[in-house]
């Protein structure tokens, strides 16, 4: 009867009262508890498909993955050995939600129509591009590489764009550069061996093991004149997963700060994991600085555009850089927890 139908409701009401009393005894209001549950649901089972190069810069991303999973963001990481050109294509095609790529490559591709947005700087120190030739090459200096064949991972990649920057610093004619698309580092090794290319630019410390063995020689360094890595996300990811993207960026940068604070232990880890001599790992570590906070400095992007225009990579009318940037409002969800 009615009394029997009301019994379950009474039992539930009693259980709710006990729960509320328990929360209040812990100093937690029911409103705060519901807010906590709501925040948890907002990030429940959100998958972020993230791409980046298999290099030491991204150690903090892997360090952050477990914490992010506990907070409802599952990072599905994919190595991108083809570098920034490969990641730009992934953002365009929708196979990636987020990419950690070279600032100049992202700016160039977004200005040319990639609908993704830059959401934060990642590594604020410059990248040291090593200019490499084969161990037995007759080329001894950077000057010897004028009008020679440069291997690049993809058109629009960092190895492609920085060759123009190198040409500018050397006083070469950018239009005279000859490029051979080879793919990633593994394919560049093959191309260098069979003489398809004369030179290849790649991050100096990533290629150190090849220099140790004498397979390659590094004849010079060309640093980027801007913070080297940035984070970009697709419009779809920002429309449907903005809180998760924001939390991802904030957590990774906090892990980067912790990695930097660990000093010698981090140097040993880089040395072991990436086959570097301890002194080279220490040199890379001391020169590398991650961004202090989530965000984008518009002046940095203007500097990138100015250089890319000067070397002929970008042409046409002035660009509204606000159109390639997404700025998060407020702090990341769950900040301080």
Protein backbone atom coordinates (compact mmCIF):
# COMPACT_ATOMS: atom_id res chain seq x y z
CA UNK A 1 0.00 0.00 0.00
CA UNK A 2 0.93 3.68 0.27
CA UNK A 3 2.95 3.07 3.40
CA UNK A 4 5.02 0.42 1.66
CA UNK A 5 5.63 2.64 -1.38
CA UNK A 6 6.77 5.44 0.91
CA UNK A 7 9.25 3.26 2.81
CA UNK A 8 12.01 3.36 0.16
CA UNK A 9 11.69 7.14 -0.09
CA UNK A 10 11.97 7.46 3.69
CA UNK A 11 15.03 5.21 3.71
CA UNK A 12 16.69 7.30 0.97
CA UNK A 13 15.87 10.51 2.82
CA UNK A 14 17.40 9.07 5.98
CA UNK A 15 20.56 7.99 4.08
CA UNK A 16 20.83 11.46 2.53
CA UNK A 17 20.53 13.03 5.97
CA UNK A 18 23.28 10.77 7.30
CA UNK A 19 25.48 11.65 4.30
CA UNK A 20 24.89 15.36 4.76
CA UNK A 21 25.63 15.08 8.48
CA UNK A 22 28.87 13.23 7.69
CA UNK A 23 29.95 15.89 5.22
CA UNK A 24 29.16 18.68 7.64
CA UNK A 25 31.14 16.84 10.30
CA UNK A 26 34.10 16.94 7.93
CA UNK A 27 33.58 20.65 7.36
CA UNK A 28 32.27 20.15 3.83
CA UNK A 29 28.98 21.79 2.85
CA UNK A 30 26.54 19.91 0.65
CA UNK A 31 26.75 22.75 -1.92
CA UNK A 32 30.55 22.42 -2.08
CA UNK A 33 30.26 18.63 -2.42
CA UNK A 34 27.81 18.97 -5.31
CA UNK A 35 30.12 21.50 -6.95
CA UNK A 36 32.99 19.03 -6.59
CA UNK A 37 30.87 16.27 -8.18
CA UNK A 38 29.91 18.62 -11.00
CA UNK A 39 33.55 19.50 -11.70
CA UNK A 40 34.37 15.82 -11.79
CA UNK A 41 31.59 15.13 -14.28
CA UNK A 42 32.76 18.02 -16.48
CA UNK A 43 36.08 16.29 -17.03
CA UNK A 44 34.87 12.70 -16.76
CA UNK A 45 36.43 10.39 -19.35
CA UNK A 46 37.62 13.18 -21.64
CA UNK A 47 40.17 11.84 -24.13
CA UNK A 48 42.81 14.20 -25.53
CA UNK A 49 44.75 12.93 -28.54
CA UNK A 50 48.11 14.63 -28.10
CA UNK A 51 51.09 14.56 -30.46
CA UNK A 52 54.70 15.61 -29.97
CA UNK A 53 58.24 14.76 -30.94
CA UNK A 54 59.89 11.84 -29.09
CA UNK A 55 62.41 14.15 -27.43
CA UNK A 56 63.47 15.22 -23.93
CA UNK A 57 61.41 18.42 -24.05
CA UNK A 58 58.24 16.36 -23.64
CA UNK A 59 59.24 14.48 -20.48
CA UNK A 60 56.84 16.66 -18.42
CA UNK A 61 53.93 15.58 -20.64
CA UNK A 62 54.52 11.93 -19.81
CA UNK A 63 55.03 12.81 -16.15
CA UNK A 64 51.65 14.55 -16.10
CA UNK A 65 49.66 11.78 -17.77
CA UNK A 66 48.89 9.75 -14.65
CA UNK A 67 47.76 12.79 -12.66
CA UNK A 68 45.58 13.94 -15.54
CA UNK A 69 44.00 10.49 -15.76
CA UNK A 70 43.07 10.69 -12.08
CA UNK A 71 41.43 14.04 -12.79
CA UNK A 72 39.37 12.75 -15.70
CA UNK A 73 41.59 13.57 -18.69
CA UNK A 74 42.99 10.58 -20.56
CA UNK A 75 46.01 11.63 -22.63
CA UNK A 76 46.34 9.48 -25.74
CA UNK A 77 49.91 10.29 -26.77
CA UNK A 78 51.31 9.67 -30.26
CA UNK A 79 54.98 10.16 -31.14
CA UNK A 80 55.37 12.45 -34.16
CA UNK A 81 58.82 11.64 -35.60
CA UNK A 82 58.01 13.76 -38.66
CA UNK A 83 58.04 16.85 -36.46
CA UNK A 84 55.94 19.99 -36.76
CA UNK A 85 54.89 19.40 -40.37
CA UNK A 86 53.39 16.05 -39.38
CA UNK A 87 51.60 17.61 -36.40
CA UNK A 88 50.21 20.51 -38.44
CA UNK A 89 48.71 17.95 -40.81
CA UNK A 90 47.29 16.04 -37.83
CA UNK A 91 45.59 19.18 -36.54
CA UNK A 92 44.19 19.98 -39.98
CA UNK A 93 42.92 16.43 -40.56
CA UNK A 94 41.53 16.03 -37.04
CA UNK A 95 43.68 13.04 -36.05
CA UNK A 96 45.08 15.14 -33.18
CA UNK A 97 43.27 17.32 -30.63
CA UNK A 98 46.45 18.92 -29.28
CA UNK A 99 49.98 19.27 -30.66
CA UNK A 100 53.17 20.41 -28.95
CA UNK A 101 55.09 21.75 -31.90
CA UNK A 102 57.61 24.37 -32.99
CA UNK A 103 56.32 27.91 -32.65
CA UNK A 104 57.39 29.01 -36.13
CA UNK A 105 55.83 25.97 -37.81
CA UNK A 106 52.52 26.45 -36.02
CA UNK A 107 52.40 30.18 -36.80
CA UNK A 108 53.19 29.60 -40.47
CA UNK A 109 50.56 26.88 -40.89
CA UNK A 110 47.83 28.67 -38.93
CA UNK A 111 48.38 31.90 -40.85
CA UNK A 112 48.04 29.87 -44.06
CA UNK A 113 44.61 28.58 -43.03
CA UNK A 114 44.96 25.77 -40.49
CA UNK A 115 41.90 26.38 -38.26
CA UNK A 116 43.65 25.26 -35.05
CA UNK A 117 44.61 27.81 -32.37
CA UNK A 118 47.76 28.37 -30.33
CA UNK A 119 46.75 28.14 -26.66
CA UNK A 120 50.06 28.45 -24.82
CA UNK A 121 53.80 28.62 -25.03
CA UNK A 122 55.47 25.41 -23.84
CA UNK A 123 59.27 25.80 -23.94
CA UNK A 124 60.27 29.46 -23.65
CA UNK A 125 63.99 29.05 -24.36
CA UNK A 126 65.30 28.94 -27.95
CA UNK A 127 65.84 25.67 -29.82
CA UNK A 128 69.44 25.01 -30.80
CA UNK A 129 69.31 23.68 -34.34
CA UNK A 130 72.36 21.62 -35.21
CA UNK A 131 73.51 21.91 -38.84
CA UNK A 132 74.67 18.41 -39.73
CA UNK A 133 76.63 16.81 -42.54
CA UNK A 134 77.76 13.23 -43.05
CA UNK A 135 80.80 12.14 -41.09
CA UNK A 136 82.84 11.71 -44.27
CA UNK A 137 81.54 14.84 -46.01
CA UNK A 138 83.96 17.29 -47.58
CA UNK A 139 81.84 20.16 -46.19
CA UNK A 140 83.63 21.51 -43.13
CA UNK A 141 81.79 24.75 -42.34
CA UNK A 142 78.31 26.23 -42.66
CA UNK A 143 79.58 28.47 -45.46
CA UNK A 144 80.34 25.34 -47.51
CA UNK A 145 76.61 24.51 -47.60
CA UNK A 146 75.52 27.44 -49.77
CA UNK A 147 73.50 26.12 -52.75
CA UNK A 148 73.63 22.58 -51.34
CA UNK A 149 70.72 20.16 -50.76
CA UNK A 150 69.06 20.42 -47.37
CA UNK A 151 67.01 17.48 -46.17
CA UNK A 152 63.77 18.46 -44.45
CA UNK A 153 61.16 16.36 -42.67
CA UNK A 154 58.19 17.98 -44.44
CA UNK A 155 57.34 21.24 -46.15
CA UNK A 156 56.41 23.70 -43.42
CA UNK A 157 58.35 21.82 -40.77
CA UNK A 158 60.92 23.39 -38.48
CA UNK A 159 63.78 21.92 -40.51
CA UNK A 160 62.30 23.62 -43.58
CA UNK A 161 61.58 27.04 -42.03
CA UNK A 162 64.85 27.25 -40.09
CA UNK A 163 66.82 26.64 -43.28
CA UNK A 164 65.43 30.00 -44.46
CA UNK A 165 66.48 31.61 -41.18
CA UNK A 166 69.95 30.10 -41.63
CA UNK A 167 70.11 31.48 -45.18
CA UNK A 168 69.25 34.94 -43.88
CA UNK A 169 71.97 34.82 -41.20
CA UNK A 170 74.52 33.62 -43.78
CA UNK A 171 73.59 36.15 -46.45
CA UNK A 172 72.42 33.46 -48.88
CA UNK A 173 69.54 33.91 -51.33
CA UNK A 174 66.57 32.07 -49.78
CA UNK A 175 65.13 31.30 -53.21
CA UNK A 176 68.32 29.40 -54.07
CA UNK A 177 67.82 26.85 -51.28
CA UNK A 178 67.25 23.31 -52.51
CA UNK A 179 65.09 21.06 -50.33
CA UNK A 180 64.68 17.29 -50.33
CA UNK A 181 61.74 15.98 -48.29
CA UNK A 182 63.00 12.92 -46.43
CA UNK A 183 60.65 12.45 -43.45
CA UNK A 184 61.93 12.15 -39.88
CA UNK A 185 65.35 11.64 -38.37
CA UNK A 186 65.55 7.95 -39.29
CA UNK A 187 64.92 8.72 -42.98
CA UNK A 188 67.40 11.60 -42.86
CA UNK A 189 70.10 9.15 -41.77
CA UNK A 190 69.41 7.02 -44.84
CA UNK A 191 69.38 10.04 -47.14
CA UNK A 192 72.68 11.26 -45.69
CA UNK A 193 74.25 7.81 -46.19
CA UNK A 194 73.24 7.48 -49.83
CA UNK A 195 74.18 11.07 -50.67
CA UNK A 196 70.64 12.25 -51.46
CA UNK A 197 71.16 15.25 -49.16
CA UNK A 198 74.18 17.32 -48.14
CA UNK A 199 72.87 18.72 -44.84
CA UNK A 200 70.13 18.24 -42.29
CA UNK A 201 69.03 20.57 -39.49
CA UNK A 202 67.67 18.99 -36.30
CA UNK A 203 67.72 19.70 -32.59
CA UNK A 204 71.37 19.61 -31.53
CA UNK A 205 71.06 17.28 -28.56
CA UNK A 206 68.66 14.81 -30.17
CA UNK A 207 71.31 14.10 -32.81
CA UNK A 208 74.24 13.92 -30.37
CA UNK A 209 74.35 10.08 -30.42
CA UNK A 210 74.92 10.21 -34.21
CA UNK A 211 77.74 12.69 -33.69
CA UNK A 212 79.30 10.49 -30.98
CA UNK A 213 79.63 7.60 -33.43
CA UNK A 214 80.98 9.76 -36.25
CA UNK A 215 78.00 9.03 -38.52
CA UNK A 216 77.28 12.76 -38.63
CA UNK A 217 79.25 15.93 -37.91
CA UNK A 218 77.73 19.13 -36.56
CA UNK A 219 79.29 22.07 -38.40
CA UNK A 220 77.27 24.83 -36.77
CA UNK A 221 74.35 25.90 -34.59
CA UNK A 222 71.36 28.07 -35.57
CA UNK A 223 69.22 29.01 -32.55
CA UNK A 224 65.62 30.11 -32.96
CA UNK A 225 65.16 33.82 -32.15
CA UNK A 226 61.96 33.01 -30.19
CA UNK A 227 60.52 30.56 -27.61
CA UNK A 228 60.74 27.25 -29.41
CA UNK A 229 57.69 25.11 -28.56
CA UNK A 230 54.01 26.02 -28.30
CA UNK A 231 50.77 24.12 -27.71
CA UNK A 232 48.00 24.23 -30.30
CA UNK A 233 44.51 22.72 -30.21
CA UNK A 234 41.84 22.18 -32.83
CA UNK A 235 38.68 24.28 -32.87
CA UNK A 236 36.68 21.12 -32.19
CA UNK A 237 38.72 20.31 -29.09
CA UNK A 238 38.35 23.85 -27.79
CA UNK A 239 34.61 23.81 -28.45
CA UNK A 240 33.98 20.51 -26.70
CA UNK A 241 36.92 19.94 -24.36
CA UNK A 242 38.23 23.41 -23.48
CA UNK A 243 38.43 22.68 -19.74
CA UNK A 244 40.42 19.51 -20.42
CA UNK A 245 42.84 21.32 -22.77
CA UNK A 246 43.34 24.07 -20.17
CA UNK A 247 43.93 21.54 -17.39
CA UNK A 248 46.35 19.63 -19.63
CA UNK A 249 48.45 22.74 -20.27
CA UNK A 250 48.49 23.83 -16.61
CA UNK A 251 49.37 20.36 -15.30
CA UNK A 252 52.14 19.80 -17.83
CA UNK A 253 53.75 23.18 -17.06
CA UNK A 254 53.60 22.46 -13.32
CA UNK A 255 55.28 19.10 -13.95
CA UNK A 256 57.90 20.89 -16.05
CA UNK A 257 58.68 23.19 -13.12
CA UNK A 258 59.05 20.16 -10.85
CA UNK A 259 61.29 18.44 -13.41
CA UNK A 260 63.49 21.55 -13.52
CA UNK A 261 63.67 21.72 -9.72
CA UNK A 262 64.92 18.13 -9.51
CA UNK A 263 68.23 19.21 -11.04
CA UNK A 264 70.78 16.42 -11.08
CA UNK A 265 68.19 13.64 -11.00
CA UNK A 266 66.56 15.07 -14.14
CA UNK A 267 69.94 15.39 -15.87
CA UNK A 268 70.67 11.71 -15.16
CA UNK A 269 67.24 10.76 -16.47
CA UNK A 270 67.78 12.64 -19.74
CA UNK A 271 71.23 11.10 -20.12
CA UNK A 272 69.89 7.58 -19.61
CA UNK A 273 66.67 7.86 -21.59
CA UNK A 274 68.11 9.66 -24.61
CA UNK A 275 71.63 8.27 -24.85
CA UNK A 276 73.43 11.53 -24.05
CA UNK A 277 76.74 11.94 -22.29
CA UNK A 278 76.15 13.37 -18.84
CA UNK A 279 77.82 16.68 -19.70
CA UNK A 280 75.63 17.08 -22.81
CA UNK A 281 72.47 16.27 -20.85
CA UNK A 282 73.53 18.87 -18.27
CA UNK A 283 74.14 21.47 -20.99
CA UNK A 284 70.72 20.85 -22.53
CA UNK A 285 69.03 20.93 -19.12
CA UNK A 286 70.64 24.19 -18.04
CA UNK A 287 69.67 25.91 -21.31
CA UNK A 288 66.06 24.69 -21.37
CA UNK A 289 63.29 26.71 -19.69
CA UNK A 290 59.61 25.88 -19.83
CA UNK A 291 56.86 28.51 -19.78
CA UNK A 292 55.93 29.80 -16.33
CA UNK A 293 52.19 29.83 -16.94
CA UNK A 294 49.55 29.01 -19.52
CA UNK A 295 49.19 31.78 -22.09
CA UNK A 296 50.41 33.34 -25.32
CA UNK A 297 52.58 36.43 -25.76
CA UNK A 298 51.32 38.26 -28.83
CA UNK A 299 54.63 40.11 -29.28
CA UNK A 300 56.46 36.79 -29.64
CA UNK A 301 54.11 35.73 -32.43
CA UNK A 302 54.58 39.11 -34.14
CA UNK A 303 58.34 38.55 -34.03
CA UNK A 304 57.92 35.11 -35.63
CA UNK A 305 55.72 36.55 -38.39
CA UNK A 306 58.21 39.36 -39.07
CA UNK A 307 61.07 36.87 -39.54
CA UNK A 308 58.98 34.49 -41.66
CA UNK A 309 58.00 37.44 -43.87
CA UNK A 310 61.61 38.61 -44.12
CA UNK A 311 62.76 35.21 -45.39
CA UNK A 312 59.82 34.84 -47.79
CA UNK A 313 57.91 32.04 -46.05
CA UNK A 314 54.88 34.28 -45.40
CA UNK A 315 53.56 36.67 -48.05
CA UNK A 316 50.46 38.75 -48.60
CA UNK A 317 48.60 41.27 -46.44
CA UNK A 318 49.15 41.71 -42.69
CA UNK A 319 47.62 39.01 -40.52
CA UNK A 320 45.36 39.40 -37.50
CA UNK A 321 47.26 37.24 -35.04
CA UNK A 322 44.27 37.27 -32.72
CA UNK A 323 42.67 34.87 -35.17
CA UNK A 324 45.24 32.14 -34.53
CA UNK A 325 45.25 32.39 -30.72
CA UNK A 326 42.82 31.07 -28.11
CA UNK A 327 42.95 32.59 -24.64
CA UNK A 328 41.47 30.69 -21.71
CA UNK A 329 39.34 32.66 -19.27
CA UNK A 330 40.13 32.22 -15.57
CA UNK A 331 42.25 29.51 -14.02
CA UNK A 332 42.21 25.84 -15.07
CA UNK A 333 39.46 23.66 -13.56
CA UNK A 334 40.47 22.21 -10.22
CA UNK A 335 43.44 24.58 -9.85
CA UNK A 336 45.02 24.27 -6.45
CA UNK A 337 43.69 20.79 -5.75
